[in-house]
């Protein structure tokens, strides 16, 4: 029985084969994401992996259905596995935004699903770091989000030599389109053309632009000029004040293909151009209003950072740590009459926060010691009785080979000393 194409199994380290997905690496990424989000004052939320299909067609139109895992459930409801988190967030905000003081900053680590062709850096499911600021129109919020992207990537050891944030604006492109008297009915199609400029041939782009009444030459000239709008300059100045200028550049190639973006947009890319976008996001000031049927109108902005591309980048830059699931101690039970006392010691050590293991069944001493080495235990522990019949714990540091015998009640203190 094999897993479905485009989905992943996550195995504990050490991996039997190097091409398997590591559960330890996934948790490492999750921990970094959560830590940095909380440092920036974001609070975690979550929603169901199944949503009404209408939630996504309302936002993106019926054409998105071909990209979804959707079906009719037993209650005759049209539902879908979530392909992104923002519509769920907008739905949640529309329901209870009055219960939160504005602006509020939320983050989530959802697993997302899309039925599409697999390619490098894109599977049919992935985990994603989503962070959003709700209820603030000032560009300071955009700068705050971009700074969070930068600091999150830096927390993995990546530097300005490894990645760059490409900053752009839907407003700038909208003004460009209107100044050239583009057909309003073709505006979104025009954004789609810009979004694909770097992935299509100049000939194909030229042909599509002509249908919209524009030329590739004037589009290219606008991109090459790269002049920051007042809005973008405010963001650049904000990031400069933080010492983050080297991580950001104006790049009007970026426009973000999703229809709901309304203003500033950005994407994070590796400097060498080896991978897909590491992260991307922007303003979606009209989405909450759309999802709520006009009942709630709040500005919003956010980004998503997927685990697949990030993990590929960290592997390529040799920035993943070794995931040795080492034990603080392995308890050797050589005298079965002392198993109960050994179990009590193990329980007390675990309660004190130590990682301790032992043989579940009676096993020869040499096999227990071999198991301790296999599990990379820092110490072995063994309960013994002294001449006075008192229970003692023999603690052996497997690196220095130093042995210490202490009362069982002091074993945790001794283990802590060897750990330090």
Protein backbone atom coordinates (compact mmCIF):
# COMPACT_ATOMS: atom_id res chain seq x y z
CA UNK A 1 0.00 0.00 0.00
CA UNK A 2 1.58 3.30 -1.08
CA UNK A 3 0.79 6.86 -0.08
CA UNK A 4 -1.06 9.14 -2.48
CA UNK A 5 1.01 11.06 -5.07
CA UNK A 6 1.99 14.50 -3.87
CA UNK A 7 1.55 13.66 -0.18
CA UNK A 8 4.27 12.96 2.37
CA UNK A 9 5.17 10.56 5.16
CA UNK A 10 7.31 12.06 7.92
CA UNK A 11 9.78 9.72 9.63
CA UNK A 12 11.82 10.22 12.83
CA UNK A 13 15.57 10.73 12.45
CA UNK A 14 17.88 9.07 11.61
CA UNK A 15 16.22 8.56 8.26
CA UNK A 16 16.60 5.11 6.64
CA UNK A 17 16.97 6.87 3.26
CA UNK A 18 18.09 10.47 2.61
CA UNK A 19 15.14 11.28 0.34
CA UNK A 20 12.54 10.67 3.07
CA UNK A 21 10.82 13.56 4.83
CA UNK A 22 11.98 14.19 8.39
CA UNK A 23 9.46 14.66 11.19
CA UNK A 24 12.25 16.23 13.24
CA UNK A 25 13.03 18.79 10.54
CA UNK A 26 9.34 19.62 10.27
CA UNK A 27 9.10 20.21 14.01
CA UNK A 28 12.28 22.31 13.91
CA UNK A 29 10.67 24.56 11.29
CA UNK A 30 7.40 24.76 13.25
CA UNK A 31 9.28 25.75 16.42
CA UNK A 32 11.12 28.55 14.61
CA UNK A 33 7.93 29.83 13.02
CA UNK A 34 6.05 29.89 16.32
CA UNK A 35 8.92 31.45 18.24
CA UNK A 36 9.38 34.36 15.84
CA UNK A 37 5.65 35.02 15.45
CA UNK A 38 5.24 35.25 19.21
CA UNK A 39 8.28 37.52 19.46
CA UNK A 40 6.44 39.92 17.15
CA UNK A 41 3.30 39.79 19.28
CA UNK A 42 1.24 37.50 17.04
CA UNK A 43 -1.32 35.16 18.59
CA UNK A 44 -1.98 31.68 17.20
CA UNK A 45 -5.33 30.66 15.73
CA UNK A 46 -6.56 27.69 13.72
CA UNK A 47 -9.56 26.56 11.70
CA UNK A 48 -10.96 23.34 10.22
CA UNK A 49 -9.22 21.63 7.27
CA UNK A 50 -12.66 21.21 5.66
CA UNK A 51 -14.62 24.29 4.60
CA UNK A 52 -17.73 25.01 2.51
CA UNK A 53 -16.73 25.03 -1.16
CA UNK A 54 -18.49 28.38 -1.47
CA UNK A 55 -15.88 30.00 0.76
CA UNK A 56 -13.26 29.51 -1.96
CA UNK A 57 -15.44 30.06 -5.02
CA UNK A 58 -16.71 33.34 -3.52
CA UNK A 59 -13.13 34.54 -3.30
CA UNK A 60 -11.63 33.06 -6.45
CA UNK A 61 -14.49 32.11 -8.77
CA UNK A 62 -15.65 28.73 -10.04
CA UNK A 63 -12.38 28.15 -11.92
CA UNK A 64 -10.61 27.32 -8.65
CA UNK A 65 -12.68 24.13 -8.26
CA UNK A 66 -10.35 22.27 -10.63
CA UNK A 67 -7.49 22.85 -8.17
CA UNK A 68 -9.33 21.62 -5.08
CA UNK A 69 -9.94 18.38 -3.24
CA UNK A 70 -13.72 18.86 -3.05
CA UNK A 71 -16.72 16.56 -2.70
CA UNK A 72 -20.31 16.32 -1.52
CA UNK A 73 -20.46 15.10 2.08
CA UNK A 74 -23.10 12.89 3.70
CA UNK A 75 -25.16 15.95 4.58
CA UNK A 76 -25.32 16.91 0.87
CA UNK A 77 -22.98 19.84 1.47
CA UNK A 78 -20.38 20.90 -1.12
CA UNK A 79 -17.13 21.05 0.82
CA UNK A 80 -13.39 21.25 0.16
CA UNK A 81 -10.08 20.66 1.84
CA UNK A 82 -8.62 24.13 2.38
CA UNK A 83 -6.18 25.21 -0.35
CA UNK A 84 -5.16 28.32 1.62
CA UNK A 85 -5.83 29.82 5.04
CA UNK A 86 -6.78 33.42 4.28
CA UNK A 87 -10.48 32.75 3.43
CA UNK A 88 -10.86 30.82 6.70
CA UNK A 89 -9.28 33.72 8.56
CA UNK A 90 -11.59 36.20 6.84
CA UNK A 91 -14.60 34.05 7.79
CA UNK A 92 -13.48 33.89 11.42
CA UNK A 93 -12.85 37.63 11.56
CA UNK A 94 -16.24 38.42 10.04
CA UNK A 95 -17.91 36.32 12.75
CA UNK A 96 -16.18 37.71 15.86
CA UNK A 97 -14.10 40.77 15.01
CA UNK A 98 -15.97 42.84 17.63
CA UNK A 99 -14.42 40.72 20.34
CA UNK A 100 -10.89 41.92 19.49
CA UNK A 101 -9.29 45.35 19.72
CA UNK A 102 -7.85 46.58 16.42
CA UNK A 103 -5.38 46.07 15.03
CA UNK A 104 -4.81 42.45 15.95
CA UNK A 105 -2.02 40.15 14.79
CA UNK A 106 -2.69 36.45 14.28
CA UNK A 107 -0.70 33.50 12.92
CA UNK A 108 -1.40 29.88 12.03
CA UNK A 109 0.49 26.78 10.83
CA UNK A 110 -2.11 25.03 8.67
CA UNK A 111 -1.72 22.04 6.38
CA UNK A 112 -3.06 23.04 2.95
CA UNK A 113 -4.18 20.95 -0.03
CA UNK A 114 -4.29 21.62 -3.78
CA UNK A 115 -4.94 19.13 -6.54
CA UNK A 116 -2.41 20.27 -9.11
CA UNK A 117 0.58 19.06 -11.05
CA UNK A 118 3.55 18.21 -8.86
CA UNK A 119 6.80 20.04 -9.53
CA UNK A 120 9.94 21.08 -7.71
CA UNK A 121 8.98 22.88 -4.53
CA UNK A 122 5.25 22.21 -4.95
CA UNK A 123 3.33 19.16 -3.76
CA UNK A 124 -0.37 18.49 -3.31
CA UNK A 125 -0.12 19.27 0.38
CA UNK A 126 2.18 21.40 2.45
CA UNK A 127 2.40 23.14 5.79
CA UNK A 128 2.48 26.92 5.83
CA UNK A 129 3.31 29.74 8.22
CA UNK A 130 0.54 32.32 7.86
CA UNK A 131 0.75 35.68 9.64
CA UNK A 132 -1.81 38.46 9.26
CA UNK A 133 -2.50 41.93 10.64
CA UNK A 134 -6.17 42.93 10.73
CA UNK A 135 -7.59 46.45 11.08
CA UNK A 136 -4.65 48.66 10.09
CA UNK A 137 -4.29 50.61 6.82
CA UNK A 138 -0.99 52.36 7.57
CA UNK A 139 2.08 51.06 5.64
CA UNK A 140 3.73 50.51 9.03
CA UNK A 141 1.75 47.26 9.16
CA UNK A 142 3.19 46.18 5.81
CA UNK A 143 6.70 46.91 7.07
CA UNK A 144 6.00 44.94 10.25
CA UNK A 145 4.98 41.87 8.25
CA UNK A 146 7.98 42.09 5.95
CA UNK A 147 10.29 42.42 8.95
CA UNK A 148 8.70 39.26 10.37
CA UNK A 149 9.45 37.41 7.12
CA UNK A 150 13.07 38.61 7.22
CA UNK A 151 13.63 37.74 10.87
CA UNK A 152 11.97 34.34 10.46
CA UNK A 153 14.32 33.43 7.63
CA UNK A 154 17.29 34.83 9.56
CA UNK A 155 16.36 32.62 12.52
CA UNK A 156 17.26 29.61 10.34
CA UNK A 157 20.73 31.04 9.67
CA UNK A 158 19.94 32.58 6.29
CA UNK A 159 21.50 35.98 5.56
CA UNK A 160 21.15 38.80 3.03
CA UNK A 161 23.44 36.73 0.81
CA UNK A 162 20.82 33.96 0.73
CA UNK A 163 17.48 35.71 0.17
CA UNK A 164 15.80 38.96 -0.82
CA UNK A 165 12.29 40.39 -0.40
CA UNK A 166 10.97 41.66 -3.73
CA UNK A 167 8.57 44.49 -2.95
CA UNK A 168 5.86 45.72 -5.31
CA UNK A 169 2.39 47.27 -5.39
CA UNK A 170 -0.91 46.46 -7.03
CA UNK A 171 -1.71 50.18 -6.70
CA UNK A 172 1.31 51.07 -8.84
CA UNK A 173 0.27 48.59 -11.52
CA UNK A 174 -3.35 49.75 -11.36
CA UNK A 175 -2.22 53.34 -11.95
CA UNK A 176 0.01 52.17 -14.81
CA UNK A 177 -2.93 50.36 -16.42
CA UNK A 178 -5.36 53.23 -16.02
CA UNK A 179 -2.93 55.85 -17.33
CA UNK A 180 -2.70 53.84 -20.53
CA UNK A 181 -6.49 53.66 -20.71
CA UNK A 182 -6.60 49.90 -20.41
CA UNK A 183 -9.96 48.18 -20.63
CA UNK A 184 -11.24 47.84 -17.02
CA UNK A 185 -12.68 44.44 -17.92
CA UNK A 186 -9.14 43.27 -18.76
CA UNK A 187 -7.45 44.60 -15.61
CA UNK A 188 -7.27 41.33 -13.69
CA UNK A 189 -6.19 39.48 -16.87
CA UNK A 190 -3.43 42.09 -17.17
CA UNK A 191 -2.27 41.32 -13.61
CA UNK A 192 -2.12 37.64 -14.52
CA UNK A 193 0.10 38.44 -17.50
CA UNK A 194 2.49 40.43 -15.29
CA UNK A 195 2.54 37.61 -12.74
CA UNK A 196 3.74 35.18 -15.42
CA UNK A 197 6.27 37.44 -17.17
CA UNK A 198 9.29 35.65 -15.74
CA UNK A 199 7.86 32.20 -16.53
CA UNK A 200 6.78 32.76 -20.14
CA UNK A 201 8.62 33.70 -23.32
CA UNK A 202 8.72 37.38 -24.35
CA UNK A 203 6.78 36.44 -27.50
CA UNK A 204 3.94 34.88 -25.51
CA UNK A 205 3.82 37.83 -23.12
CA UNK A 206 3.84 40.32 -26.00
CA UNK A 207 0.91 38.60 -27.65
CA UNK A 208 -1.15 38.56 -24.45
CA UNK A 209 -0.36 42.20 -23.68
CA UNK A 210 -1.49 43.27 -27.13
CA UNK A 211 -4.91 41.82 -26.40
CA UNK A 212 -5.04 44.09 -23.36
CA UNK A 213 -3.98 47.09 -25.47
CA UNK A 214 -0.44 47.30 -24.10
CA UNK A 215 3.09 46.45 -25.19
CA UNK A 216 5.86 44.46 -23.58
CA UNK A 217 8.26 47.36 -24.14
CA UNK A 218 6.32 49.81 -21.98
CA UNK A 219 5.72 47.18 -19.30
CA UNK A 220 9.42 46.30 -19.23
CA UNK A 221 10.39 49.98 -19.04
CA UNK A 222 8.15 50.46 -16.01
CA UNK A 223 9.69 47.44 -14.28
CA UNK A 224 13.25 48.47 -15.08
CA UNK A 225 12.69 51.98 -13.76
CA UNK A 226 11.70 50.47 -10.43
CA UNK A 227 10.69 53.76 -8.90
CA UNK A 228 9.20 53.40 -5.42
CA UNK A 229 5.78 54.91 -4.88
CA UNK A 230 5.27 57.06 -1.78
CA UNK A 231 3.62 54.05 -0.13
CA UNK A 232 6.55 51.75 -0.89
CA UNK A 233 9.11 54.37 0.13
CA UNK A 234 7.46 54.61 3.55
CA UNK A 235 7.91 50.86 3.95
CA UNK A 236 11.53 51.01 2.78
CA UNK A 237 12.26 53.81 5.29
CA UNK A 238 10.65 51.80 8.08
CA UNK A 239 12.76 48.75 7.28
CA UNK A 240 15.89 50.89 6.96
CA UNK A 241 15.31 52.18 10.49
CA UNK A 242 15.43 48.53 11.64
CA UNK A 243 18.68 47.88 9.75
CA UNK A 244 16.97 45.59 7.24
CA UNK A 245 17.49 47.53 3.98
CA UNK A 246 19.84 44.94 2.49
CA UNK A 247 17.06 42.37 2.49
CA UNK A 248 14.57 44.35 0.37
CA UNK A 249 14.38 45.72 -3.17
CA UNK A 250 11.67 47.19 -5.39
CA UNK A 251 10.72 44.73 -8.11
CA UNK A 252 7.55 45.30 -10.11
CA UNK A 253 7.75 41.82 -11.61
CA UNK A 254 5.95 40.81 -8.42
CA UNK A 255 2.19 41.31 -8.55
CA UNK A 256 0.83 38.12 -6.92
CA UNK A 257 -1.65 36.15 -8.99
CA UNK A 258 -4.49 35.95 -6.46
CA UNK A 259 -7.37 38.27 -7.25
CA UNK A 260 -7.96 39.52 -3.72
CA UNK A 261 -4.72 41.51 -3.33
CA UNK A 262 -5.38 45.25 -3.28
CA UNK A 263 -2.14 47.10 -2.48
CA UNK A 264 1.42 46.32 -1.42
CA UNK A 265 2.58 42.83 -2.39
CA UNK A 266 5.89 41.06 -1.83
CA UNK A 267 7.70 37.76 -2.31
CA UNK A 268 10.84 36.28 -0.77
CA UNK A 269 13.27 34.55 -3.12
CA UNK A 270 16.65 32.90 -2.72
CA UNK A 271 19.40 35.07 -4.22
CA UNK A 272 20.66 32.31 -6.51
CA UNK A 273 17.24 31.82 -8.08
CA UNK A 274 17.33 28.05 -7.57
CA UNK A 275 13.90 27.70 -5.98
CA UNK A 276 10.32 28.90 -6.14
CA UNK A 277 9.25 31.79 -3.90
CA UNK A 278 10.00 31.06 -0.25
CA UNK A 279 7.16 33.31 0.96
CA UNK A 280 4.67 35.76 -0.43
CA UNK A 281 1.87 38.03 0.62
CA UNK A 282 0.35 41.47 0.61
CA UNK A 283 -2.73 43.56 1.31
CA UNK A 284 -6.24 42.23 0.85
CA UNK A 285 -8.32 45.11 2.19
CA UNK A 286 -11.58 43.95 0.56
CA UNK A 287 -11.61 40.24 1.38
CA UNK A 288 -13.26 40.39 4.80
CA UNK A 289 -16.01 42.56 3.31
CA UNK A 290 -16.47 40.07 0.45
CA UNK A 291 -16.60 37.00 2.70
CA UNK A 292 -18.99 38.68 5.15
CA UNK A 293 -21.38 39.79 2.41
CA UNK A 294 -20.59 43.43 3.16
CA UNK A 295 -21.35 43.22 6.89
CA UNK A 296 -17.74 43.68 8.07
CA UNK A 297 -15.24 45.95 6.34
CA UNK A 298 -11.72 45.72 7.75
CA UNK A 299 -8.33 46.28 6.10
CA UNK A 300 -6.05 43.28 6.26
CA UNK A 301 -2.70 42.00 5.08
CA UNK A 302 -0.71 38.83 5.48
CA UNK A 303 1.80 36.36 4.08
CA UNK A 304 2.34 32.64 3.72
CA UNK A 305 5.65 30.74 3.97
CA UNK A 306 5.56 27.09 2.93
CA UNK A 307 7.65 24.31 4.43
CA UNK A 308 8.58 22.56 1.16
CA UNK A 309 10.66 25.30 -0.48
CA UNK A 310 12.08 26.44 2.85
CA UNK A 311 13.28 22.92 3.66
CA UNK A 312 14.87 22.57 0.21
CA UNK A 313 16.69 25.87 0.71
CA UNK A 314 17.93 24.96 4.19
CA UNK A 315 19.23 21.63 2.89
CA UNK A 316 20.98 23.31 -0.04
CA UNK A 317 22.69 25.79 2.30
CA UNK A 318 23.54 23.05 4.86
CA UNK A 319 21.65 24.93 7.57
CA UNK A 320 19.67 22.08 9.09
CA UNK A 321 21.00 20.92 12.47
CA UNK A 322 21.66 17.29 13.28
CA UNK A 323 18.51 15.75 14.70
CA UNK A 324 20.00 13.32 17.19
CA UNK A 325 17.23 12.20 19.51
CA UNK A 326 19.76 11.72 22.30
CA UNK A 327 18.70 10.57 25.77
CA UNK A 328 19.77 12.20 28.99
CA UNK A 329 19.90 8.75 30.51
CA UNK A 330 19.28 5.06 29.89
CA UNK A 331 18.40 3.02 32.95
CA UNK A 332 20.04 -0.40 33.05
CA UNK A 333 17.98 -2.98 34.93
CA UNK A 334 20.35 -5.86 35.58
CA UNK A 335 18.69 -7.07 38.77
CA UNK A 336 15.00 -7.81 38.17
CA UNK A 337 14.29 -7.56 41.89
CA UNK A 338 15.08 -3.85 41.51
CA UNK A 339 12.81 -3.26 38.48
CA UNK A 340 10.12 -1.56 40.59
CA UNK A 341 12.71 0.74 42.18
CA UNK A 342 14.18 1.42 38.72
CA UNK A 343 10.75 2.30 37.32
CA UNK A 344 10.24 4.74 40.21
CA UNK A 345 13.60 6.37 39.40
CA UNK A 346 12.73 6.58 35.71
CA UNK A 347 9.36 8.13 36.51
CA UNK A 348 10.91 10.73 38.84
CA UNK A 349 13.57 11.67 36.29
CA UNK A 350 10.98 12.09 33.53
CA UNK A 351 8.85 14.22 35.85
CA UNK A 352 11.93 16.39 36.41
CA UNK A 353 12.19 16.99 32.66
CA UNK A 354 14.86 14.48 31.67
CA UNK A 355 14.63 12.20 28.61
CA UNK A 356 15.07 8.68 29.93
CA UNK A 357 14.49 5.24 28.44
CA UNK A 358 15.00 1.60 29.48
CA UNK A 359 14.36 -1.98 28.38
CA UNK A 360 10.68 -2.83 28.69
CA UNK A 361 11.46 -6.50 29.26
CA UNK A 362 14.27 -8.42 30.99
CA UNK A 363 17.33 -8.26 28.73
CA UNK A 364 20.99 -9.19 29.05
CA UNK A 365 23.25 -6.45 30.40
CA UNK A 366 25.39 -6.16 27.27
CA UNK A 367 22.31 -5.76 25.07
CA UNK A 368 20.95 -3.03 27.36
CA UNK A 369 24.24 -1.17 27.20
CA UNK A 370 24.36 -1.52 23.42
CA UNK A 371 20.84 -0.10 23.26
CA UNK A 372 21.93 2.87 25.38
CA UNK A 373 24.70 3.57 22.86
CA UNK A 374 22.34 3.18 19.89
CA UNK A 375 20.00 5.75 21.43
CA UNK A 376 22.96 8.11 22.04
CA UNK A 377 22.37 8.23 25.78
CA UNK A 378 24.57 10.72 27.60
CA UNK A 379 24.50 8.61 30.75
CA UNK A 380 23.54 5.19 32.02
CA UNK A 381 21.83 4.80 35.36
CA UNK A 382 21.56 1.72 37.50
CA UNK A 383 19.77 1.20 40.79
CA UNK A 384 21.79 -0.78 43.34
CA UNK A 385 21.72 -1.46 47.05
CA UNK A 386 24.70 -0.55 49.20
CA UNK A 387 25.96 -2.63 52.12
CA UNK A 388 23.44 -0.94 54.39
CA UNK A 389 20.63 -2.00 52.05
CA UNK A 390 19.93 1.56 50.88
CA UNK A 391 18.89 2.23 47.29
CA UNK A 392 21.62 4.04 45.34
CA UNK A 393 21.87 5.22 41.76
CA UNK A 394 25.07 4.64 39.79
CA UNK A 395 25.36 7.34 37.11
CA UNK A 396 27.93 6.82 34.36
CA UNK A 397 28.81 9.54 31.87
CA UNK A 398 29.32 7.65 28.59
CA UNK A 399 31.55 10.37 27.18
CA UNK A 400 33.99 10.75 30.06
CA UNK A 401 33.36 7.24 31.49
CA UNK A 402 33.19 8.84 34.96
CA UNK A 403 30.96 6.99 37.42
CA UNK A 404 29.24 8.47 40.45
CA UNK A 405 27.15 6.69 43.05
CA UNK A 406 24.53 8.85 44.77
CA UNK A 407 21.34 8.24 46.74
CA UNK A 408 18.39 7.65 44.40
CA UNK A 409 16.84 10.91 45.63
CA UNK A 410 19.88 12.82 44.27
CA UNK A 411 19.98 11.15 40.85
CA UNK A 412 18.16 14.01 39.13
CA UNK A 413 20.66 16.55 40.50
CA UNK A 414 23.59 14.42 39.34
CA UNK A 415 22.07 13.92 35.90
CA UNK A 416 21.57 17.66 35.62
CA UNK A 417 25.23 18.27 36.42
CA UNK A 418 26.40 15.89 33.70
CA UNK A 419 23.93 17.45 31.27
CA UNK A 420 25.31 20.92 31.94
